[in-house]
Amino acid sequence: MSLNLDSAVGEAAEVTVVDGYVPVIDLSSARSSEAADRRLATVIDEVCRTSGFLVIVGHGVPEHTISEMYRATREFFALPIEKKADLLADPADPLMRGFGRKGSLAASNADALVERERALPDISETFTVNRLGEPDGPRMLPAEADPALATPNKWPVDPGFAEAYRSYYAAMEVLAADIMRLFALALELPEDWFEEKIRRHMTNLTANYYPRQSIPPAPGQLRKGVHSDWGSLTILYQDEGPGGLQVQDKSGQWLDVPYIEGSFVVNIGDLMAIWTNNRWVSTVHRVVNPPRALAGTERYSVPFFHQPAYDALIECIPTCTGPDNPPRHAPVRSGDYIVGKFGRAYGG
């Protein structure tokens, strides 16, 4: 689904540019005034209580930073398979950096899905980097953490790739911190409440390549199986290729997430649902196959899976509990949670 933003605005409200289950929100007024932040926070709280998904514009990420990342992504996945295989993720790497081995995100969501779907691998290739794989990564971890979490990133030979990805990663760090500040305000917390918990974040940036489907998929097999994300929030770049992202609404219906050039899709993950005591929802979603008439087309997306610091304790936020609403989840450490999720999804 593609939207023309100019024609969609109409008489829209100041913050919500396009209304809907996955609304389009303009962040350009953030930090301009206390009142503007309050308006944004109110809208974000409402969206996160319903779908947990929004599309953002006015985010401030330079167009050149996005286009260079997209160029590097397309050039990498166009390489011969043997070249990509040189960067194959190490089975001992708990965060699967490099060229992705086969797995199923559905497998990490074992309580929600049938056995057959969990057994089908996703129809995609991936490439992943993490700040823990950079030279200063080990200092981001506590002494008791698995040293394999600091496995170095595997960069393609083309020096322009690493430069483009590092620049894009840095932009996503800034944007994620800005969104977490708005999240804090939406949850009636001081605006810096999350800062220490995410300062040493351990976020994967993953490029997804959905190749042409010359052979029809197996029954039930998808580009990405039904799953929820795992961390605090995800910031997704997606192109306009057919066979895209869908979210499941509360009635069980699958809805297309709109594509708007220059926008990002933002959704909350499981840890944010735990933090908010289920006040906010981590909605399941999937990436569908293109119709057979368009099976010869490719698609790319690049999610920034924001993950709090390894030793951040994720427990019920004080404003999300009360005498009639006790904590529903046991506290969990961010690093333990994400390593367990990767193990179930990819067998690492």
C-alpha atoms as a PDB file:
ATOM      1  CA  MET A   1       0.000   0.000   0.000  1.00  0.00           C
ATOM      2  CA  SER A   2       1.405   3.385  -1.001  1.00  0.00           C
ATOM      3  CA  LEU A   3       0.117   6.772   0.126  1.00  0.00           C
ATOM      4  CA  ASN A   4       0.619  10.154  -1.467  1.00  0.00           C
ATOM      5  CA  LEU A   5       1.314  12.260   1.580  1.00  0.00           C
ATOM      6  CA  ASP A   6       0.472  15.575  -0.058  1.00  0.00           C
ATOM      7  CA  SER A   7      -3.010  14.415  -1.030  1.00  0.00           C
ATOM      8  CA  ALA A   8      -3.577  12.550   2.230  1.00  0.00           C
ATOM      9  CA  VAL A   9      -3.046  15.470   4.591  1.00  0.00           C
ATOM     10  CA  GLY A  10      -6.316  17.303   3.883  1.00  0.00           C
ATOM     11  CA  GLU A  11      -7.749  18.768   7.074  1.00  0.00           C
ATOM     12  CA  ALA A  12      -5.668  16.447   9.256  1.00  0.00           C
ATOM     13  CA  ALA A  13      -4.779  17.310  12.819  1.00  0.00           C
ATOM     14  CA  GLU A  14      -1.494  19.009  13.644  1.00  0.00           C
ATOM     15  CA  VAL A  15       0.313  15.824  14.698  1.00  0.00           C
ATOM     16  CA  THR A  16      -1.606  13.019  12.989  1.00  0.00           C
ATOM     17  CA  VAL A  17      -1.075  13.439   9.262  1.00  0.00           C
ATOM     18  CA  VAL A  18      -3.062  10.370   8.201  1.00  0.00           C
ATOM     19  CA  ASP A  19      -5.368   8.582  10.637  1.00  0.00           C
ATOM     20  CA  GLY A  20      -5.874   4.827  10.773  1.00  0.00           C
ATOM     21  CA  TYR A  21      -4.880   1.653  12.610  1.00  0.00           C
ATOM     22  CA  VAL A  22      -1.292   2.457  11.584  1.00  0.00           C
ATOM     23  CA  PRO A  23      -1.411   6.271  11.513  1.00  0.00           C
ATOM     24  CA  VAL A  24       1.133   8.634   9.985  1.00  0.00           C
ATOM     25  CA  ILE A  25       2.598  10.960  12.626  1.00  0.00           C
ATOM     26  CA  ASP A  26       4.633  14.121  12.005  1.00  0.00           C
ATOM     27  CA  LEU A  27       7.496  14.455  14.522  1.00  0.00           C
ATOM     28  CA  SER A  28       8.783  17.782  13.228  1.00  0.00           C
ATOM     29  CA  SER A  29       7.273  19.740  16.143  1.00  0.00           C
ATOM     30  CA  ALA A  30       9.168  17.677  18.774  1.00  0.00           C
ATOM     31  CA  ARG A  31      11.192  19.829  21.191  1.00  0.00           C
ATOM     32  CA  SER A  32       9.699  23.025  19.724  1.00  0.00           C
ATOM     33  CA  SER A  33       7.658  23.609  22.890  1.00  0.00           C
ATOM     34  CA  GLU A  34       6.339  21.820  25.937  1.00  0.00           C
ATOM     35  CA  ALA A  35       2.836  21.943  24.459  1.00  0.00           C
ATOM     36  CA  ALA A  36       4.010  20.357  21.188  1.00  0.00           C
ATOM     37  CA  ASP A  37       5.738  17.548  23.075  1.00  0.00           C
ATOM     38  CA  ARG A  38       2.559  16.985  25.079  1.00  0.00           C
ATOM     39  CA  ARG A  39       0.474  16.706  21.909  1.00  0.00           C
ATOM     40  CA  LEU A  40       2.902  14.213  20.396  1.00  0.00           C
ATOM     41  CA  ALA A  41       3.059  12.188  23.608  1.00  0.00           C
ATOM     42  CA  THR A  42      -0.745  11.980  23.825  1.00  0.00           C
ATOM     43  CA  VAL A  43      -1.014  10.690  20.256  1.00  0.00           C
ATOM     44  CA  ILE A  44       1.822   8.197  20.762  1.00  0.00           C
ATOM     45  CA  ASP A  45       0.214   6.820  23.914  1.00  0.00           C
ATOM     46  CA  GLU A  46      -3.079   6.294  22.098  1.00  0.00           C
ATOM     47  CA  VAL A  47      -1.398   4.532  19.152  1.00  0.00           C
ATOM     48  CA  CYS A  48       0.711   2.320  21.391  1.00  0.00           C
ATOM     49  CA  ARG A  49      -2.384   1.267  23.336  1.00  0.00           C
ATOM     50  CA  THR A  50      -4.114   0.151  20.117  1.00  0.00           C
ATOM     51  CA  SER A  51      -1.871  -1.027  17.279  1.00  0.00           C
ATOM     52  CA  GLY A  52       1.627  -0.310  18.573  1.00  0.00           C
ATOM     53  CA  PHE A  53       2.519   0.691  14.983  1.00  0.00           C
ATOM     54  CA  LEU A  54       2.918   4.123  13.420  1.00  0.00           C
ATOM     55  CA  VAL A  55       4.575   5.674  10.388  1.00  0.00           C
ATOM     56  CA  ILE A  56       6.687   8.752  11.101  1.00  0.00           C
ATOM     57  CA  VAL A  57       7.570  11.712   8.922  1.00  0.00           C
ATOM     58  CA  GLY A  58       9.384  14.879   9.964  1.00  0.00           C
ATOM     59  CA  HIS A  59      11.994  12.693  11.659  1.00  0.00           C
ATOM     60  CA  GLY A  60      15.044  14.715  10.677  1.00  0.00           C
ATOM     61  CA  VAL A  61      17.167  11.902   9.203  1.00  0.00           C
ATOM     62  CA  PRO A  62      18.976  13.298   6.121  1.00  0.00           C
ATOM     63  CA  GLU A  63      17.777  11.918   2.802  1.00  0.00           C
ATOM     64  CA  HIS A  64      21.386  11.293   1.731  1.00  0.00           C
ATOM     65  CA  THR A  65      22.008   9.091   4.772  1.00  0.00           C
ATOM     66  CA  ILE A  66      19.000   6.949   3.860  1.00  0.00           C
ATOM     67  CA  SER A  67      19.770   6.760   0.123  1.00  0.00           C
ATOM     68  CA  GLU A  68      23.409   5.766   0.697  1.00  0.00           C
ATOM     69  CA  MET A  69      22.339   2.959   3.043  1.00  0.00           C
ATOM     70  CA  TYR A  70      19.789   1.767   0.475  1.00  0.00           C
ATOM     71  CA  ARG A  71      22.375   1.850  -2.327  1.00  0.00           C
ATOM     72  CA  ALA A  72      24.849  -0.161  -0.243  1.00  0.00           C
ATOM     73  CA  THR A  73      22.134  -2.674   0.659  1.00  0.00           C
ATOM     74  CA  ARG A  74      21.129  -3.302  -2.959  1.00  0.00           C
ATOM     75  CA  GLU A  75      24.739  -3.655  -4.080  1.00  0.00           C
ATOM     76  CA  PHE A  76      25.547  -6.134  -1.320  1.00  0.00           C
ATOM     77  CA  PHE A  77      22.624  -8.459  -1.999  1.00  0.00           C
ATOM     78  CA  ALA A  78      23.350  -8.324  -5.739  1.00  0.00           C
ATOM     79  CA  LEU A  79      26.722  -9.995  -5.102  1.00  0.00           C
ATOM     80  CA  PRO A  80      27.157 -13.667  -6.093  1.00  0.00           C
ATOM     81  CA  ILE A  81      26.051 -16.008  -3.326  1.00  0.00           C
ATOM     82  CA  GLU A  82      29.612 -17.234  -2.763  1.00  0.00           C
ATOM     83  CA  LYS A  83      30.750 -13.664  -2.028  1.00  0.00           C
ATOM     84  CA  LYS A  84      27.946 -13.177   0.469  1.00  0.00           C
ATOM     85  CA  ALA A  85      28.702 -16.576   1.980  1.00  0.00           C
ATOM     86  CA  ASP A  86      32.215 -15.326   2.826  1.00  0.00           C
ATOM     87  CA  LEU A  87      30.455 -13.173   5.424  1.00  0.00           C
ATOM     88  CA  LEU A  88      28.190 -15.923   6.773  1.00  0.00           C
ATOM     89  CA  ALA A  89      27.211 -15.401  10.396  1.00  0.00           C
ATOM     90  CA  ASP A  90      29.184 -17.547  12.827  1.00  0.00           C
ATOM     91  CA  PRO A  91      26.916 -20.190  14.425  1.00  0.00           C
ATOM     92  CA  ALA A  92      28.517 -19.256  17.753  1.00  0.00           C
ATOM     93  CA  ASP A  93      27.503 -15.593  17.390  1.00  0.00           C
ATOM     94  CA  PRO A  94      24.403 -15.085  19.577  1.00  0.00           C
ATOM     95  CA  LEU A  95      23.422 -11.960  17.603  1.00  0.00           C
ATOM     96  CA  MET A  96      23.890 -13.425  14.093  1.00  0.00           C
ATOM     97  CA  ARG A  97      26.103 -10.692  12.656  1.00  0.00           C
ATOM     98  CA  GLY A  98      26.977 -10.957   8.987  1.00  0.00           C
ATOM     99  CA  PHE A  99      25.104 -12.733   6.224  1.00  0.00           C
ATOM    100  CA  GLY A 100      22.119 -14.444   7.821  1.00  0.00           C
ATOM    101  CA  ARG A 101      21.790 -18.152   8.232  1.00  0.00           C
ATOM    102  CA  LYS A 102      18.336 -19.592   7.636  1.00  0.00           C
ATOM    103  CA  GLY A 103      15.794 -19.394  10.399  1.00  0.00           C
ATOM    104  CA  SER A 104      12.233 -18.468  11.231  1.00  0.00           C
ATOM    105  CA  LEU A 105      11.173 -15.497  13.318  1.00  0.00           C
ATOM    106  CA  ALA A 106       7.929 -17.375  13.877  1.00  0.00           C
ATOM    107  CA  ALA A 107       9.917 -19.937  15.859  1.00  0.00           C
ATOM    108  CA  SER A 108      10.623 -17.356  18.559  1.00  0.00           C
ATOM    109  CA  ASN A 109       6.893 -16.910  19.158  1.00  0.00           C
ATOM    110  CA  ALA A 110       6.201 -20.527  20.018  1.00  0.00           C
ATOM    111  CA  ASP A 111       3.024 -20.054  22.025  1.00  0.00           C
ATOM    112  CA  ALA A 112       1.212 -18.242  19.221  1.00  0.00           C
ATOM    113  CA  LEU A 113       1.808 -20.332  16.118  1.00  0.00           C
ATOM    114  CA  VAL A 114       1.222 -23.773  14.686  1.00  0.00           C
ATOM    115  CA  GLU A 115       4.106 -26.224  14.324  1.00  0.00           C
ATOM    116  CA  ARG A 116       4.033 -26.210  10.523  1.00  0.00           C
ATOM    117  CA  GLU A 117       4.597 -22.482  10.215  1.00  0.00           C
ATOM    118  CA  ARG A 118       7.429 -22.549  12.739  1.00  0.00           C
ATOM    119  CA  ALA A 119       9.162 -25.227  10.664  1.00  0.00           C
ATOM    120  CA  LEU A 120       9.199 -23.144   7.460  1.00  0.00           C
ATOM    121  CA  PRO A 121      12.215 -20.870   6.946  1.00  0.00           C
ATOM    122  CA  ASP A 122      11.611 -17.274   5.973  1.00  0.00           C
ATOM    123  CA  ILE A 123      12.047 -16.476   2.258  1.00  0.00           C
ATOM    124  CA  SER A 124      14.695 -13.850   2.725  1.00  0.00           C
ATOM    125  CA  GLU A 125      18.371 -13.112   3.069  1.00  0.00           C
ATOM    126  CA  THR A 126      19.700 -10.881   5.842  1.00  0.00           C
ATOM    127  CA  PHE A 127      22.786  -8.928   6.770  1.00  0.00           C
ATOM    128  CA  THR A 128      23.291  -7.718  10.349  1.00  0.00           C
ATOM    129  CA  VAL A 129      25.635  -5.451  12.285  1.00  0.00           C
ATOM    130  CA  ASN A 130      25.574  -4.481  15.975  1.00  0.00           C
ATOM    131  CA  ARG A 131      27.377  -1.749  17.917  1.00  0.00           C
ATOM    132  CA  LEU A 132      28.789  -4.506  20.166  1.00  0.00           C
ATOM    133  CA  GLY A 133      30.708  -5.706  17.107  1.00  0.00           C
ATOM    134  CA  GLU A 134      32.554  -2.406  16.742  1.00  0.00           C
ATOM    135  CA  PRO A 135      36.000  -1.856  18.335  1.00  0.00           C
ATOM    136  CA  ASP A 136      34.538  -0.262  21.481  1.00  0.00           C
ATOM    137  CA  GLY A 137      31.790  -2.882  21.784  1.00  0.00           C
ATOM    138  CA  PRO A 138      33.268  -4.961  24.629  1.00  0.00           C
ATOM    139  CA  ARG A 139      33.158  -1.989  27.028  1.00  0.00           C
ATOM    140  CA  MET A 140      29.384  -1.829  26.548  1.00  0.00           C
ATOM    141  CA  LEU A 141      28.995  -5.197  28.294  1.00  0.00           C
ATOM    142  CA  PRO A 142      29.196  -6.187  31.965  1.00  0.00           C
ATOM    143  CA  ALA A 143      32.044  -8.520  32.927  1.00  0.00           C
ATOM    144  CA  GLU A 144      29.785 -11.563  33.281  1.00  0.00           C
ATOM    145  CA  ALA A 145      28.317 -11.302  29.758  1.00  0.00           C
ATOM    146  CA  ASP A 146      29.143 -13.896  27.121  1.00  0.00           C
ATOM    147  CA  PRO A 147      32.247 -12.602  25.257  1.00  0.00           C
ATOM    148  CA  ALA A 148      30.675 -13.862  22.008  1.00  0.00           C
ATOM    149  CA  LEU A 149      28.281 -10.903  22.208  1.00  0.00           C
ATOM    150  CA  ALA A 150      31.240  -8.726  21.181  1.00  0.00           C
ATOM    151  CA  THR A 151      31.950 -10.804  18.049  1.00  0.00           C
ATOM    152  CA  PRO A 152      33.266  -8.323  15.450  1.00  0.00           C
ATOM    153  CA  ASN A 153      30.950  -7.164  12.707  1.00  0.00           C
ATOM    154  CA  LYS A 154      31.601  -8.719   9.297  1.00  0.00           C
ATOM    155  CA  TRP A 155      31.887  -5.933   6.731  1.00  0.00           C
ATOM    156  CA  PRO A 156      31.859  -6.367   2.953  1.00  0.00           C
ATOM    157  CA  VAL A 157      35.126  -5.487   1.179  1.00  0.00           C
ATOM    158  CA  ASP A 158      33.625  -2.367  -0.400  1.00  0.00           C
ATOM    159  CA  PRO A 159      34.664   0.400   2.050  1.00  0.00           C
ATOM    160  CA  GLY A 160      31.654   2.477   1.012  1.00  0.00           C
ATOM    161  CA  PHE A 161      29.347  -0.109   2.577  1.00  0.00           C
ATOM    162  CA  ALA A 162      30.700   0.205   6.125  1.00  0.00           C
ATOM    163  CA  GLU A 163      30.754   3.983   5.848  1.00  0.00           C
ATOM    164  CA  ALA A 164      27.122   4.113   4.683  1.00  0.00           C
ATOM    165  CA  TYR A 165      25.950   1.700   7.373  1.00  0.00           C
ATOM    166  CA  ARG A 166      27.834   3.377  10.212  1.00  0.00           C
ATOM    167  CA  SER A 167      26.384   6.737   9.202  1.00  0.00           C
ATOM    168  CA  TYR A 168      22.861   5.312   9.023  1.00  0.00           C
ATOM    169  CA  TYR A 169      23.312   3.460  12.337  1.00  0.00           C
ATOM    170  CA  ALA A 170      24.378   6.688  14.054  1.00  0.00           C
ATOM    171  CA  ALA A 171      21.291   8.477  12.682  1.00  0.00           C
ATOM    172  CA  MET A 172      19.053   5.684  13.978  1.00  0.00           C
ATOM    173  CA  GLU A 173      20.641   5.921  17.435  1.00  0.00           C
ATOM    174  CA  VAL A 174      19.705   9.589  17.615  1.00  0.00           C
ATOM    175  CA  LEU A 175      16.177   8.994  16.311  1.00  0.00           C
ATOM    176  CA  ALA A 176      15.584   6.067  18.687  1.00  0.00           C
ATOM    177  CA  ALA A 177      16.682   8.172  21.663  1.00  0.00           C
ATOM    178  CA  ASP A 178      14.319  10.955  20.550  1.00  0.00           C
ATOM    179  CA  ILE A 179      11.423   8.506  20.299  1.00  0.00           C
ATOM    180  CA  MET A 180      12.230   6.986  23.692  1.00  0.00           C
ATOM    181  CA  ARG A 181      12.117  10.522  25.149  1.00  0.00           C
ATOM    182  CA  LEU A 182       8.612  10.927  23.716  1.00  0.00           C
ATOM    183  CA  PHE A 183       7.714   7.476  25.038  1.00  0.00           C
ATOM    184  CA  ALA A 184       8.732   8.609  28.536  1.00  0.00           C
ATOM    185  CA  LEU A 185       6.486  11.672  28.277  1.00  0.00           C
ATOM    186  CA  ALA A 186       3.646   9.509  26.945  1.00  0.00           C
ATOM    187  CA  LEU A 187       3.999   7.298  30.026  1.00  0.00           C
ATOM    188  CA  GLU A 188       3.938  10.302  32.398  1.00  0.00           C
ATOM    189  CA  LEU A 189       7.598   9.891  33.263  1.00  0.00           C
ATOM    190  CA  PRO A 190      10.455  12.415  33.285  1.00  0.00           C
ATOM    191  CA  GLU A 191      11.676  12.813  29.713  1.00  0.00           C
ATOM    192  CA  ASP A 192      15.104  11.329  30.565  1.00  0.00           C
ATOM    193  CA  TRP A 193      13.683   8.234  32.323  1.00  0.00           C
ATOM    194  CA  PHE A 194      14.991   5.784  29.695  1.00  0.00           C
ATOM    195  CA  GLU A 195      18.358   7.451  29.060  1.00  0.00           C
ATOM    196  CA  GLU A 196      20.566   5.369  31.349  1.00  0.00           C
ATOM    197  CA  LYS A 197      18.777   2.184  30.354  1.00  0.00           C
ATOM    198  CA  ILE A 198      19.551   2.663  26.659  1.00  0.00           C
ATOM    199  CA  ARG A 199      22.895   4.504  26.769  1.00  0.00           C
ATOM    200  CA  ARG A 200      24.791   1.250  26.187  1.00  0.00           C
ATOM    201  CA  HIS A 201      22.126  -0.235  23.932  1.00  0.00           C
ATOM    202  CA  MET A 202      22.912  -3.440  21.989  1.00  0.00           C
ATOM    203  CA  THR A 203      20.909  -2.876  18.825  1.00  0.00           C
ATOM    204  CA  ASN A 204      21.006  -4.980  15.673  1.00  0.00           C
ATOM    205  CA  LEU A 205      20.678  -3.184  12.349  1.00  0.00           C
ATOM    206  CA  THR A 206      19.471  -5.815   9.889  1.00  0.00           C
ATOM    207  CA  ALA A 207      19.032  -5.532   6.144  1.00  0.00           C
ATOM    208  CA  ASN A 208      16.333  -7.800   4.709  1.00  0.00           C
ATOM    209  CA  TYR A 209      16.430  -8.872   1.080  1.00  0.00           C
ATOM    210  CA  TYR A 210      13.332 -10.538  -0.313  1.00  0.00           C
ATOM    211  CA  PRO A 211      14.383 -12.062  -3.645  1.00  0.00           C
ATOM    212  CA  ARG A 212      12.354 -12.822  -6.731  1.00  0.00           C
ATOM    213  CA  GLN A 213      10.173 -15.885  -6.244  1.00  0.00           C
ATOM    214  CA  SER A 214      10.704 -17.914  -9.394  1.00  0.00           C
ATOM    215  CA  ILE A 215       9.309 -20.945  -7.556  1.00  0.00           C
ATOM    216  CA  PRO A 216       6.032 -20.570  -5.630  1.00  0.00           C
ATOM    217  CA  PRO A 217       6.522 -20.685  -1.833  1.00  0.00           C
ATOM    218  CA  ALA A 218       5.413 -23.727   0.123  1.00  0.00           C
ATOM    219  CA  PRO A 219       1.893 -23.492   1.578  1.00  0.00           C
ATOM    220  CA  GLY A 220       2.079 -21.190   4.591  1.00  0.00           C
ATOM    221  CA  GLN A 221       5.626 -20.013   3.849  1.00  0.00           C
ATOM    222  CA  LEU A 222       6.158 -16.238   3.977  1.00  0.00           C
ATOM    223  CA  ARG A 223       8.915 -13.747   3.377  1.00  0.00           C
ATOM    224  CA  LYS A 224       8.835 -13.248   7.162  1.00  0.00           C
ATOM    225  CA  GLY A 225       6.640 -15.431   9.314  1.00  0.00           C
ATOM    226  CA  VAL A 226       4.186 -14.107  11.881  1.00  0.00           C
ATOM    227  CA  HIS A 227       6.102 -12.660  14.819  1.00  0.00           C
ATOM    228  CA  SER A 228       6.392  -9.815  17.265  1.00  0.00           C
ATOM    229  CA  ASP A 229       9.596  -7.829  17.673  1.00  0.00           C
ATOM    230  CA  TRP A 230      11.674  -8.378  20.754  1.00  0.00           C
ATOM    231  CA  GLY A 231      13.143  -5.140  22.040  1.00  0.00           C
ATOM    232  CA  SER A 232      11.982  -1.685  23.058  1.00  0.00           C
ATOM    233  CA  LEU A 233      11.132  -0.357  19.595  1.00  0.00           C
ATOM    234  CA  THR A 234      11.867  -0.964  15.924  1.00  0.00           C
ATOM    235  CA  ILE A 235      12.549   1.722  13.329  1.00  0.00           C
ATOM    236  CA  LEU A 236      12.022   0.269   9.866  1.00  0.00           C
ATOM    237  CA  TYR A 237      12.994   1.596   6.476  1.00  0.00           C
ATOM    238  CA  GLN A 238      10.987  -0.114   3.717  1.00  0.00           C
ATOM    239  CA  ASP A 239      10.918   0.350  -0.025  1.00  0.00           C
ATOM    240  CA  GLU A 240       7.864   0.167  -2.258  1.00  0.00           C
ATOM    241  CA  GLY A 241       8.444  -3.367  -3.542  1.00  0.00           C
ATOM    242  CA  PRO A 242       5.308  -5.544  -3.616  1.00  0.00           C
ATOM    243  CA  GLY A 243       4.763  -8.181  -0.969  1.00  0.00           C
ATOM    244  CA  GLY A 244       5.181  -6.019   2.115  1.00  0.00           C
ATOM    245  CA  LEU A 245       4.563  -5.558   5.796  1.00  0.00           C
ATOM    246  CA  GLN A 246       1.195  -6.368   7.358  1.00  0.00           C
ATOM    247  CA  VAL A 247      -0.035  -6.048  10.942  1.00  0.00           C
ATOM    248  CA  GLN A 248      -2.838  -8.004  12.580  1.00  0.00           C
ATOM    249  CA  ASP A 249      -5.575  -5.928  14.183  1.00  0.00           C
ATOM    250  CA  LYS A 250      -7.563  -6.936  17.239  1.00  0.00           C
ATOM    251  CA  SER A 251     -10.218  -8.650  15.124  1.00  0.00           C
ATOM    252  CA  GLY A 252      -7.590 -10.871  13.482  1.00  0.00           C
ATOM    253  CA  GLN A 253      -7.636  -9.040  10.141  1.00  0.00           C
ATOM    254  CA  TRP A 254      -4.346  -8.423   8.327  1.00  0.00           C
ATOM    255  CA  LEU A 255      -3.777  -4.800   7.287  1.00  0.00           C
ATOM    256  CA  ASP A 256      -1.116  -3.382   4.966  1.00  0.00           C
ATOM    257  CA  VAL A 257       1.293  -0.891   6.521  1.00  0.00           C
ATOM    258  CA  PRO A 258       1.314   2.187   4.277  1.00  0.00           C
ATOM    259  CA  TYR A 259       4.408   3.122   2.301  1.00  0.00           C
ATOM    260  CA  ILE A 260       5.358   6.800   2.174  1.00  0.00           C
ATOM    261  CA  GLU A 261       8.603   7.837   0.572  1.00  0.00           C
ATOM    262  CA  GLY A 262      11.105   9.122   3.143  1.00  0.00           C
ATOM    263  CA  SER A 263       9.157   7.781   6.131  1.00  0.00           C
ATOM    264  CA  PHE A 264       9.941   5.148   8.752  1.00  0.00           C
ATOM    265  CA  VAL A 265       7.672   2.565  10.330  1.00  0.00           C
ATOM    266  CA  VAL A 266       7.969   2.492  14.132  1.00  0.00           C
ATOM    267  CA  ASN A 267       6.587  -0.252  16.332  1.00  0.00           C
ATOM    268  CA  ILE A 268       7.077  -1.272  19.923  1.00  0.00           C
ATOM    269  CA  GLY A 269       8.503  -4.657  20.874  1.00  0.00           C
ATOM    270  CA  ASP A 270       7.972  -7.248  23.576  1.00  0.00           C
ATOM    271  CA  LEU A 271      10.215  -5.546  26.127  1.00  0.00           C
ATOM    272  CA  MET A 272       8.221  -2.323  25.897  1.00  0.00           C
ATOM    273  CA  ALA A 273       5.028  -4.308  26.495  1.00  0.00           C
ATOM    274  CA  ILE A 274       6.686  -5.801  29.597  1.00  0.00           C
ATOM    275  CA  TRP A 275       7.918  -2.375  30.737  1.00  0.00           C
ATOM    276  CA  THR A 276       4.400  -0.905  30.376  1.00  0.00           C
ATOM    277  CA  ASN A 277       2.612  -3.846  32.000  1.00  0.00           C
ATOM    278  CA  ASN A 278       0.717  -4.475  28.721  1.00  0.00           C
ATOM    279  CA  ARG A 279      -0.581  -0.896  28.612  1.00  0.00           C
ATOM    280  CA  TRP A 280       1.166  -0.828  25.227  1.00  0.00           C
ATOM    281  CA  VAL A 281       0.902  -3.718  22.807  1.00  0.00           C
ATOM    282  CA  SER A 282       3.593  -5.559  20.863  1.00  0.00           C
ATOM    283  CA  THR A 283       1.551  -6.405  17.795  1.00  0.00           C
ATOM    284  CA  VAL A 284       2.263  -9.446  15.638  1.00  0.00           C
ATOM    285  CA  HIS A 285       3.103  -8.781  12.011  1.00  0.00           C
ATOM    286  CA  ARG A 286       4.434 -10.518   8.917  1.00  0.00           C
ATOM    287  CA  VAL A 287       5.911  -9.852   5.484  1.00  0.00           C
ATOM    288  CA  VAL A 288       3.751 -11.418   2.789  1.00  0.00           C
ATOM    289  CA  ASN A 289       4.698 -12.810  -0.599  1.00  0.00           C
ATOM    290  CA  PRO A 290       4.034 -10.753  -3.723  1.00  0.00           C
ATOM    291  CA  PRO A 291       1.164 -11.813  -5.969  1.00  0.00           C
ATOM    292  CA  ARG A 292       2.346 -14.311  -8.584  1.00  0.00           C
ATOM    293  CA  ALA A 293       1.974 -11.689 -11.315  1.00  0.00           C
ATOM    294  CA  LEU A 294       4.662  -9.655  -9.505  1.00  0.00           C
ATOM    295  CA  ALA A 295       6.765 -12.556  -8.252  1.00  0.00           C
ATOM    296  CA  GLY A 296       9.699 -11.384 -10.368  1.00  0.00           C
ATOM    297  CA  THR A 297      10.173  -8.274  -8.216  1.00  0.00           C
ATOM    298  CA  GLU A 298      12.499  -7.792  -5.257  1.00  0.00           C
ATOM    299  CA  ARG A 299      11.985  -5.964  -1.979  1.00  0.00           C
ATOM    300  CA  TYR A 300      14.318  -4.497   0.645  1.00  0.00           C
ATOM    301  CA  SER A 301      13.733  -3.366   4.209  1.00  0.00           C
ATOM    302  CA  VAL A 302      16.131  -2.346   6.991  1.00  0.00           C
ATOM    303  CA  PRO A 303      14.947  -2.530  10.616  1.00  0.00           C
ATOM    304  CA  PHE A 304      16.836  -1.001  13.544  1.00  0.00           C
ATOM    305  CA  PHE A 305      15.863  -3.334  16.409  1.00  0.00           C
ATOM    306  CA  HIS A 306      16.476  -1.041  19.368  1.00  0.00           C
ATOM    307  CA  GLN A 307      17.546  -3.124  22.364  1.00  0.00           C
ATOM    308  CA  PRO A 308      18.244  -1.653  25.828  1.00  0.00           C
ATOM    309  CA  ALA A 309      21.615  -2.122  27.510  1.00  0.00           C
ATOM    310  CA  TYR A 310      22.548  -5.718  28.331  1.00  0.00           C
ATOM    311  CA  ASP A 311      22.154  -5.252  32.076  1.00  0.00           C
ATOM    312  CA  ALA A 312      19.037  -3.046  31.910  1.00  0.00           C
ATOM    313  CA  LEU A 313      16.385  -4.626  34.117  1.00  0.00           C
ATOM    314  CA  ILE A 314      13.044  -4.555  32.327  1.00  0.00           C
ATOM    315  CA  GLU A 315      10.369  -4.386  35.003  1.00  0.00           C
ATOM    316  CA  CYS A 316       7.011  -2.708  35.381  1.00  0.00           C
ATOM    317  CA  ILE A 317       7.193   1.081  35.012  1.00  0.00           C
ATOM    318  CA  PRO A 318       5.796   2.800  38.150  1.00  0.00           C
ATOM    319  CA  THR A 319       3.132   4.719  36.205  1.00  0.00           C
ATOM    320  CA  CYS A 320       1.824   1.479  34.651  1.00  0.00           C
ATOM    321  CA  THR A 321       0.787  -0.275  37.852  1.00  0.00           C
ATOM    322  CA  GLY A 322      -1.509   0.337  40.803  1.00  0.00           C
ATOM    323  CA  PRO A 323      -3.651  -1.405  43.449  1.00  0.00           C
ATOM    324  CA  ASP A 324      -5.994  -2.797  40.789  1.00  0.00           C
ATOM    325  CA  ASN A 325      -3.288  -3.396  38.184  1.00  0.00           C
ATOM    326  CA  PRO A 326      -0.403  -5.404  39.647  1.00  0.00           C
ATOM    327  CA  PRO A 327       2.709  -6.210  37.551  1.00  0.00           C
ATOM    328  CA  ARG A 328       1.929  -8.983  35.056  1.00  0.00           C
ATOM    329  CA  HIS A 329       5.480  -9.947  34.053  1.00  0.00           C
ATOM    330  CA  ALA A 330       8.525 -11.104  35.967  1.00  0.00           C
ATOM    331  CA  PRO A 331      11.471  -8.709  35.603  1.00  0.00           C
ATOM    332  CA  VAL A 332      13.953  -9.754  32.924  1.00  0.00           C
ATOM    333  CA  ARG A 333      17.393  -8.548  31.951  1.00  0.00           C
ATOM    334  CA  SER A 334      17.564  -7.149  28.424  1.00  0.00           C
ATOM    335  CA  GLY A 335      20.605  -9.197  27.371  1.00  0.00           C
ATOM    336  CA  ASP A 336      19.247 -12.492  28.672  1.00  0.00           C
ATOM    337  CA  TYR A 337      15.947 -11.893  26.895  1.00  0.00           C
ATOM    338  CA  ILE A 338      17.384 -11.125  23.463  1.00  0.00           C
ATOM    339  CA  VAL A 339      19.909 -13.987  23.500  1.00  0.00           C
ATOM    340  CA  GLY A 340      17.114 -16.432  24.347  1.00  0.00           C
ATOM    341  CA  LYS A 341      14.973 -15.110  21.489  1.00  0.00           C
ATOM    342  CA  PHE A 342      17.784 -15.501  18.957  1.00  0.00           C
ATOM    343  CA  GLY A 343      18.452 -19.035  20.153  1.00  0.00           C
ATOM    344  CA  ARG A 344      14.866 -20.086  19.512  1.00  0.00           C
ATOM    345  CA  ALA A 345      14.635 -18.369  16.130  1.00  0.00           C
ATOM    346  CA  TYR A 346      17.965 -19.407  14.645  1.00  0.00           C
ATOM    347  CA  GLY A 347      19.241 -22.269  16.764  1.00  0.00           C
ATOM    348  CA  GLY A 348      22.285 -20.319  17.898  1.00  0.00           C
END
